[in-house]
N, C-alpha and C. Protein backbone atom coordinates (compact mmCIF):
# COMPACT_ATOMS: atom_id res chain seq x y z
N MET A 1 -14.30 3.18 -12.16
CA MET A 1 -14.10 4.58 -11.94
C MET A 1 -12.91 4.78 -11.02
N PHE A 2 -12.21 5.81 -11.28
CA PHE A 2 -11.06 6.10 -10.43
C PHE A 2 -11.53 6.47 -9.03
N ARG A 3 -10.78 6.04 -8.09
CA ARG A 3 -10.99 6.52 -6.73
C ARG A 3 -10.16 7.78 -6.62
N VAL A 4 -10.79 8.89 -6.89
CA VAL A 4 -10.12 10.16 -7.08
C VAL A 4 -9.23 10.54 -5.90
N ALA A 5 -9.76 10.51 -4.71
CA ALA A 5 -8.97 10.95 -3.56
C ALA A 5 -7.74 10.07 -3.39
N ALA A 6 -7.89 8.77 -3.49
CA ALA A 6 -6.75 7.86 -3.35
C ALA A 6 -5.75 8.08 -4.47
N PHE A 7 -6.26 8.29 -5.67
CA PHE A 7 -5.39 8.53 -6.83
C PHE A 7 -4.55 9.78 -6.62
N ILE A 8 -5.18 10.87 -6.23
CA ILE A 8 -4.46 12.13 -6.04
C ILE A 8 -3.47 12.01 -4.90
N LEU A 9 -3.89 11.45 -3.78
CA LEU A 9 -3.00 11.30 -2.64
C LEU A 9 -1.81 10.43 -3.00
N THR A 10 -2.06 9.31 -3.66
CA THR A 10 -0.98 8.44 -4.07
C THR A 10 -0.04 9.14 -5.02
N ALA A 11 -0.59 9.86 -5.98
CA ALA A 11 0.23 10.58 -6.96
C ALA A 11 1.13 11.58 -6.28
N VAL A 12 0.58 12.35 -5.39
CA VAL A 12 1.35 13.39 -4.73
C VAL A 12 2.44 12.78 -3.86
N LEU A 13 2.15 11.66 -3.21
CA LEU A 13 3.10 11.08 -2.28
C LEU A 13 4.22 10.29 -2.94
N VAL A 14 3.96 9.64 -4.09
CA VAL A 14 4.94 8.69 -4.59
C VAL A 14 5.55 8.99 -5.94
N VAL A 15 5.08 9.94 -6.68
CA VAL A 15 5.60 10.13 -8.02
C VAL A 15 7.04 10.61 -8.02
N VAL A 16 7.31 11.65 -7.31
CA VAL A 16 8.65 12.20 -7.33
C VAL A 16 9.20 12.24 -5.91
N VAL A 17 10.31 11.59 -5.72
CA VAL A 17 10.99 11.63 -4.43
C VAL A 17 12.41 12.12 -4.70
N ASN A 18 12.73 13.27 -4.16
CA ASN A 18 14.05 13.88 -4.37
C ASN A 18 14.39 14.00 -5.85
N GLY A 19 13.41 14.39 -6.67
CA GLY A 19 13.65 14.61 -8.08
C GLY A 19 13.69 13.34 -8.91
N GLN A 20 13.45 12.19 -8.30
CA GLN A 20 13.49 10.92 -9.01
C GLN A 20 12.07 10.40 -9.21
N ILE A 21 11.84 9.74 -10.32
CA ILE A 21 10.54 9.13 -10.57
C ILE A 21 10.40 7.93 -9.64
N SER A 22 9.24 7.81 -9.02
CA SER A 22 8.98 6.73 -8.08
C SER A 22 8.90 5.37 -8.78
N PRO A 23 9.26 4.30 -8.07
CA PRO A 23 9.09 2.95 -8.61
C PRO A 23 7.62 2.63 -8.89
N SER A 24 6.67 3.36 -8.28
CA SER A 24 5.24 3.14 -8.54
C SER A 24 4.82 3.64 -9.91
N CYS A 25 5.67 4.39 -10.56
CA CYS A 25 5.37 4.92 -11.88
C CYS A 25 5.51 3.78 -12.90
N THR A 26 4.43 3.54 -13.65
CA THR A 26 4.43 2.42 -14.60
C THR A 26 4.99 2.78 -15.97
N ARG A 27 4.88 4.06 -16.31
CA ARG A 27 5.36 4.51 -17.63
C ARG A 27 5.97 5.89 -17.47
N THR A 28 7.01 6.15 -18.24
CA THR A 28 7.61 7.48 -18.23
C THR A 28 7.72 8.00 -19.66
N TYR A 29 7.92 9.29 -19.76
CA TYR A 29 8.09 9.94 -21.06
C TYR A 29 9.13 11.03 -20.92
N THR A 30 10.04 11.11 -21.86
CA THR A 30 11.03 12.17 -21.87
C THR A 30 10.53 13.27 -22.80
N VAL A 31 10.36 14.46 -22.26
CA VAL A 31 9.83 15.60 -23.01
C VAL A 31 10.75 15.93 -24.17
N GLN A 32 10.14 16.15 -25.33
CA GLN A 32 10.86 16.51 -26.55
C GLN A 32 10.69 18.01 -26.82
N PRO A 33 11.58 18.60 -27.63
CA PRO A 33 11.41 20.02 -27.97
C PRO A 33 10.02 20.26 -28.56
N HIS A 34 9.39 21.34 -28.18
CA HIS A 34 8.08 21.78 -28.65
C HIS A 34 6.90 20.96 -28.13
N ASP A 35 7.15 20.04 -27.18
CA ASP A 35 6.05 19.29 -26.57
C ASP A 35 5.22 20.20 -25.68
N PHE A 36 3.95 19.86 -25.53
CA PHE A 36 3.07 20.48 -24.56
C PHE A 36 2.19 19.36 -24.01
N CYS A 37 1.54 19.60 -22.90
CA CYS A 37 0.86 18.51 -22.18
C CYS A 37 -0.17 17.76 -23.00
N ASP A 38 -1.05 18.45 -23.71
CA ASP A 38 -2.07 17.75 -24.49
C ASP A 38 -1.44 16.90 -25.61
N LEU A 39 -0.37 17.38 -26.20
CA LEU A 39 0.33 16.61 -27.24
C LEU A 39 0.93 15.34 -26.63
N ILE A 40 1.59 15.48 -25.49
CA ILE A 40 2.15 14.32 -24.80
C ILE A 40 1.04 13.34 -24.44
N SER A 41 -0.06 13.86 -23.89
CA SER A 41 -1.17 13.01 -23.50
C SER A 41 -1.73 12.22 -24.67
N ALA A 42 -1.96 12.89 -25.79
CA ALA A 42 -2.51 12.22 -26.97
C ALA A 42 -1.52 11.19 -27.53
N LYS A 43 -0.27 11.57 -27.58
CA LYS A 43 0.77 10.71 -28.15
C LYS A 43 1.00 9.46 -27.29
N GLU A 44 0.88 9.61 -25.99
CA GLU A 44 1.24 8.53 -25.07
C GLU A 44 0.04 7.83 -24.43
N ASN A 45 -1.18 8.15 -24.89
CA ASN A 45 -2.40 7.52 -24.36
C ASN A 45 -2.51 7.66 -22.85
N VAL A 46 -2.53 8.91 -22.42
CA VAL A 46 -2.72 9.23 -21.00
C VAL A 46 -3.62 10.46 -20.95
N SER A 47 -4.58 10.48 -20.07
CA SER A 47 -5.47 11.64 -20.02
C SER A 47 -4.71 12.88 -19.55
N THR A 48 -5.18 14.03 -19.97
CA THR A 48 -4.59 15.29 -19.55
C THR A 48 -4.62 15.39 -18.03
N TYR A 49 -5.73 15.00 -17.42
CA TYR A 49 -5.88 15.03 -15.97
C TYR A 49 -4.84 14.13 -15.29
N GLN A 50 -4.71 12.90 -15.79
CA GLN A 50 -3.77 11.96 -15.17
C GLN A 50 -2.34 12.48 -15.29
N LEU A 51 -1.95 12.99 -16.45
CA LEU A 51 -0.60 13.53 -16.62
C LEU A 51 -0.33 14.64 -15.61
N ALA A 52 -1.29 15.54 -15.47
CA ALA A 52 -1.11 16.65 -14.53
C ALA A 52 -1.09 16.16 -13.08
N THR A 53 -1.95 15.22 -12.75
CA THR A 53 -2.07 14.75 -11.37
C THR A 53 -0.83 13.99 -10.91
N VAL A 54 -0.36 13.06 -11.73
CA VAL A 54 0.79 12.27 -11.29
C VAL A 54 2.09 13.07 -11.33
N ASN A 55 2.06 14.24 -11.96
CA ASN A 55 3.24 15.12 -12.00
C ASN A 55 2.94 16.45 -11.32
N SER A 56 2.06 16.43 -10.31
CA SER A 56 1.59 17.67 -9.69
C SER A 56 2.70 18.51 -9.09
N GLY A 57 3.77 17.92 -8.67
CA GLY A 57 4.88 18.68 -8.12
C GLY A 57 5.86 19.16 -9.18
N ILE A 58 5.61 18.78 -10.43
CA ILE A 58 6.52 19.10 -11.53
C ILE A 58 5.88 20.05 -12.54
N ILE A 59 4.67 19.71 -12.98
CA ILE A 59 3.99 20.48 -14.02
C ILE A 59 3.08 21.53 -13.37
N ASN A 60 3.17 22.78 -13.81
CA ASN A 60 2.27 23.81 -13.29
C ASN A 60 0.90 23.69 -13.96
N ALA A 61 -0.07 24.43 -13.46
CA ALA A 61 -1.46 24.33 -13.94
C ALA A 61 -1.60 24.62 -15.43
N ASP A 62 -0.78 25.49 -15.97
CA ASP A 62 -0.85 25.83 -17.40
C ASP A 62 0.07 24.98 -18.26
N CYS A 63 0.83 24.10 -17.63
CA CYS A 63 1.79 23.24 -18.32
C CYS A 63 2.78 24.07 -19.15
N THR A 64 3.23 25.16 -18.58
CA THR A 64 4.17 26.02 -19.30
C THR A 64 5.60 25.85 -18.81
N ASN A 65 5.80 24.94 -17.87
CA ASN A 65 7.14 24.82 -17.30
C ASN A 65 7.84 23.50 -17.60
N ILE A 66 7.35 22.74 -18.58
CA ILE A 66 8.07 21.52 -18.96
C ILE A 66 9.19 21.89 -19.93
N PHE A 67 10.23 21.06 -19.96
CA PHE A 67 11.37 21.36 -20.82
C PHE A 67 11.90 20.08 -21.44
N ALA A 68 12.51 20.22 -22.63
CA ALA A 68 13.08 19.07 -23.33
C ALA A 68 14.08 18.37 -22.43
N GLY A 69 13.97 17.05 -22.39
CA GLY A 69 14.85 16.23 -21.58
C GLY A 69 14.28 15.87 -20.22
N GLU A 70 13.24 16.58 -19.80
CA GLU A 70 12.61 16.29 -18.51
C GLU A 70 11.85 14.96 -18.61
N VAL A 71 11.92 14.16 -17.57
CA VAL A 71 11.23 12.88 -17.53
C VAL A 71 9.96 13.03 -16.70
N LEU A 72 8.83 12.66 -17.31
CA LEU A 72 7.53 12.74 -16.65
C LEU A 72 6.99 11.34 -16.42
N CYS A 73 6.25 11.17 -15.35
CA CYS A 73 5.53 9.93 -15.09
C CYS A 73 4.20 10.01 -15.85
N LEU A 74 3.80 8.91 -16.46
CA LEU A 74 2.53 8.88 -17.20
C LEU A 74 1.42 8.17 -16.44
N GLY A 75 1.76 7.29 -15.52
CA GLY A 75 0.74 6.57 -14.77
C GLY A 75 1.35 5.84 -13.59
N LEU A 76 0.50 5.51 -12.64
CA LEU A 76 0.94 4.81 -11.44
C LEU A 76 0.44 3.37 -11.46
N GLN A 77 1.20 2.50 -10.84
CA GLN A 77 0.82 1.09 -10.76
C GLN A 77 -0.59 0.95 -10.21
N GLY A 78 -1.46 0.25 -10.94
CA GLY A 78 -2.84 0.03 -10.52
C GLY A 78 -3.76 1.20 -10.79
N GLN A 79 -3.21 2.31 -11.30
CA GLN A 79 -4.02 3.51 -11.54
C GLN A 79 -3.55 4.19 -12.82
N ASP A 80 -3.57 3.46 -13.91
CA ASP A 80 -3.04 3.99 -15.17
C ASP A 80 -4.04 3.79 -16.28
N CYS A 81 -4.80 4.83 -16.57
CA CYS A 81 -5.78 4.78 -17.66
C CYS A 81 -5.07 4.99 -18.99
N THR A 82 -5.13 4.00 -19.86
CA THR A 82 -4.49 4.10 -21.17
C THR A 82 -5.51 4.13 -22.31
N GLN A 83 -6.79 4.06 -21.97
CA GLN A 83 -7.85 4.16 -22.98
C GLN A 83 -8.34 5.60 -22.96
N VAL A 84 -8.02 6.33 -24.03
CA VAL A 84 -8.28 7.76 -24.04
C VAL A 84 -8.98 8.20 -25.32
N SER A 85 -9.52 9.40 -25.27
CA SER A 85 -10.14 10.03 -26.42
C SER A 85 -9.72 11.50 -26.42
N VAL A 86 -9.33 11.99 -27.59
CA VAL A 86 -8.95 13.39 -27.74
C VAL A 86 -10.19 14.18 -28.14
N VAL A 87 -10.52 15.22 -27.38
CA VAL A 87 -11.68 16.06 -27.69
C VAL A 87 -11.43 16.77 -29.02
N GLN A 88 -12.37 16.63 -29.93
CA GLN A 88 -12.25 17.21 -31.27
C GLN A 88 -12.79 18.64 -31.30
N PRO A 89 -12.30 19.45 -32.24
CA PRO A 89 -12.71 20.87 -32.29
C PRO A 89 -14.20 21.09 -32.57
N THR A 90 -14.82 20.19 -33.30
CA THR A 90 -16.24 20.39 -33.60
C THR A 90 -17.03 19.13 -33.27
N GLY A 91 -18.15 19.32 -32.62
CA GLY A 91 -19.11 18.23 -32.42
C GLY A 91 -18.90 17.35 -31.22
N ASP A 92 -17.76 17.41 -30.54
CA ASP A 92 -17.57 16.53 -29.40
C ASP A 92 -18.25 17.07 -28.16
N SER A 93 -18.88 16.16 -27.44
CA SER A 93 -19.51 16.47 -26.15
C SER A 93 -19.25 15.26 -25.26
N CYS A 94 -19.52 15.38 -24.00
CA CYS A 94 -19.34 14.23 -23.12
C CYS A 94 -20.21 13.06 -23.58
N THR A 95 -21.41 13.37 -24.04
CA THR A 95 -22.32 12.32 -24.50
C THR A 95 -21.74 11.60 -25.71
N SER A 96 -21.24 12.34 -26.69
CA SER A 96 -20.70 11.70 -27.90
C SER A 96 -19.41 10.94 -27.60
N ILE A 97 -18.58 11.47 -26.72
CA ILE A 97 -17.32 10.80 -26.36
C ILE A 97 -17.62 9.50 -25.61
N ALA A 98 -18.52 9.57 -24.64
CA ALA A 98 -18.89 8.37 -23.87
C ALA A 98 -19.52 7.32 -24.78
N SER A 99 -20.41 7.75 -25.65
CA SER A 99 -21.08 6.83 -26.57
C SER A 99 -20.08 6.14 -27.49
N ALA A 100 -19.17 6.90 -28.06
CA ALA A 100 -18.16 6.33 -28.96
C ALA A 100 -17.26 5.33 -28.24
N ALA A 101 -17.03 5.56 -26.94
CA ALA A 101 -16.17 4.66 -26.16
C ALA A 101 -16.95 3.48 -25.57
N GLY A 102 -18.28 3.51 -25.69
CA GLY A 102 -19.09 2.43 -25.14
C GLY A 102 -19.22 2.48 -23.63
N ILE A 103 -19.14 3.69 -23.07
CA ILE A 103 -19.30 3.85 -21.63
C ILE A 103 -20.42 4.85 -21.36
N ASP A 104 -20.87 4.91 -20.12
CA ASP A 104 -21.90 5.88 -19.79
C ASP A 104 -21.25 7.17 -19.28
N ILE A 105 -22.05 8.21 -19.19
CA ILE A 105 -21.57 9.53 -18.76
C ILE A 105 -20.98 9.48 -17.35
N THR A 106 -21.60 8.72 -16.47
CA THR A 106 -21.11 8.62 -15.10
C THR A 106 -19.67 8.09 -15.07
N THR A 107 -19.40 7.06 -15.85
CA THR A 107 -18.05 6.50 -15.92
C THR A 107 -17.08 7.52 -16.49
N LEU A 108 -17.48 8.22 -17.54
CA LEU A 108 -16.62 9.25 -18.13
C LEU A 108 -16.27 10.32 -17.10
N LEU A 109 -17.27 10.79 -16.38
CA LEU A 109 -17.04 11.84 -15.37
C LEU A 109 -16.22 11.31 -14.19
N ASP A 110 -16.47 10.07 -13.78
CA ASP A 110 -15.68 9.49 -12.69
C ASP A 110 -14.21 9.34 -13.09
N ASN A 111 -13.97 9.00 -14.33
CA ASN A 111 -12.61 8.84 -14.83
C ASN A 111 -11.90 10.17 -15.05
N ASN A 112 -12.65 11.25 -15.13
CA ASN A 112 -12.10 12.58 -15.42
C ASN A 112 -12.66 13.59 -14.44
N PRO A 113 -12.19 13.56 -13.19
CA PRO A 113 -12.76 14.43 -12.16
C PRO A 113 -12.58 15.92 -12.43
N ASN A 114 -11.77 16.27 -13.38
CA ASN A 114 -11.59 17.67 -13.76
C ASN A 114 -12.74 18.19 -14.62
N VAL A 115 -13.57 17.29 -15.14
CA VAL A 115 -14.69 17.68 -15.99
C VAL A 115 -15.93 17.89 -15.12
N ASN A 116 -16.59 19.04 -15.28
CA ASN A 116 -17.78 19.32 -14.46
C ASN A 116 -18.97 18.50 -14.95
N THR A 117 -19.99 18.39 -14.11
CA THR A 117 -21.13 17.52 -14.43
C THR A 117 -21.92 17.98 -15.65
N ASP A 118 -21.85 19.25 -15.98
CA ASP A 118 -22.52 19.75 -17.20
C ASP A 118 -21.63 19.59 -18.42
N CYS A 119 -20.39 19.20 -18.20
CA CYS A 119 -19.44 18.98 -19.28
C CYS A 119 -19.19 20.24 -20.11
N THR A 120 -19.19 21.37 -19.45
CA THR A 120 -19.00 22.64 -20.16
C THR A 120 -17.54 23.09 -20.13
N ASN A 121 -16.68 22.30 -19.50
CA ASN A 121 -15.28 22.73 -19.40
C ASN A 121 -14.29 21.81 -20.12
N ILE A 122 -14.77 21.06 -21.11
CA ILE A 122 -13.83 20.32 -21.96
C ILE A 122 -13.46 21.22 -23.13
N PHE A 123 -12.28 20.99 -23.68
CA PHE A 123 -11.82 21.84 -24.77
C PHE A 123 -11.12 21.00 -25.83
N PRO A 124 -11.10 21.47 -27.08
CA PRO A 124 -10.43 20.72 -28.15
C PRO A 124 -8.97 20.44 -27.81
N GLY A 125 -8.56 19.22 -28.04
CA GLY A 125 -7.20 18.80 -27.76
C GLY A 125 -7.03 18.15 -26.41
N GLU A 126 -7.98 18.39 -25.50
CA GLU A 126 -7.91 17.76 -24.18
C GLU A 126 -8.05 16.25 -24.37
N VAL A 127 -7.36 15.50 -23.56
CA VAL A 127 -7.38 14.05 -23.65
C VAL A 127 -8.11 13.50 -22.43
N LEU A 128 -9.18 12.74 -22.67
CA LEU A 128 -10.01 12.20 -21.59
C LEU A 128 -9.84 10.70 -21.47
N CYS A 129 -9.91 10.19 -20.24
CA CYS A 129 -9.88 8.76 -19.99
C CYS A 129 -11.26 8.19 -20.32
N VAL A 130 -11.28 7.14 -21.14
CA VAL A 130 -12.55 6.52 -21.52
C VAL A 130 -12.56 5.02 -21.17
N ALA A 131 -11.83 4.65 -20.12
CA ALA A 131 -11.79 3.26 -19.67
C ALA A 131 -13.18 2.84 -19.20
N PRO A 132 -13.60 1.62 -19.52
CA PRO A 132 -14.95 1.19 -19.13
C PRO A 132 -15.10 0.90 -17.65
N THR A 133 -14.03 0.58 -16.98
CA THR A 133 -14.10 0.29 -15.55
C THR A 133 -12.89 0.92 -14.86
N SER A 134 -12.90 0.85 -13.56
CA SER A 134 -11.82 1.42 -12.77
C SER A 134 -10.51 0.72 -13.07
N THR A 135 -9.44 1.53 -13.10
CA THR A 135 -8.10 0.96 -13.22
C THR A 135 -7.37 1.06 -11.90
N SER A 136 -8.10 1.44 -10.85
CA SER A 136 -7.48 1.52 -9.52
C SER A 136 -7.91 0.34 -8.68
N ASN A 137 -7.21 0.15 -7.60
CA ASN A 137 -7.52 -0.99 -6.73
C ASN A 137 -8.73 -0.76 -5.88
């Protein structure tokens, strides 16, 4: 499970320094025309939460301020979940997503701190981390 507080603090402190991607960034992506956060997340195997968190000083909450040519960090060294699942429009729930990934609900929720315990705030197209164990130190 991610150590949420450490992950967020690390992301905020090291991702972007003076407009440059930090050396702690393990993967980057250059935004293409017509990209949006969930599309980037699905295409690049990064959870929606992780993309937003590691780019918290760059991407706004609605992800409406990214532009073609912009370079985004996709993950940080030691904290990069690349096992993901895209929430489907019909039938997906935290239980079905966790089951399909072979993990329990607790692990799914720990990996996706943006998801509430009742799992009522996931939406189609959202990309969730389904790693079986922590990818943080």
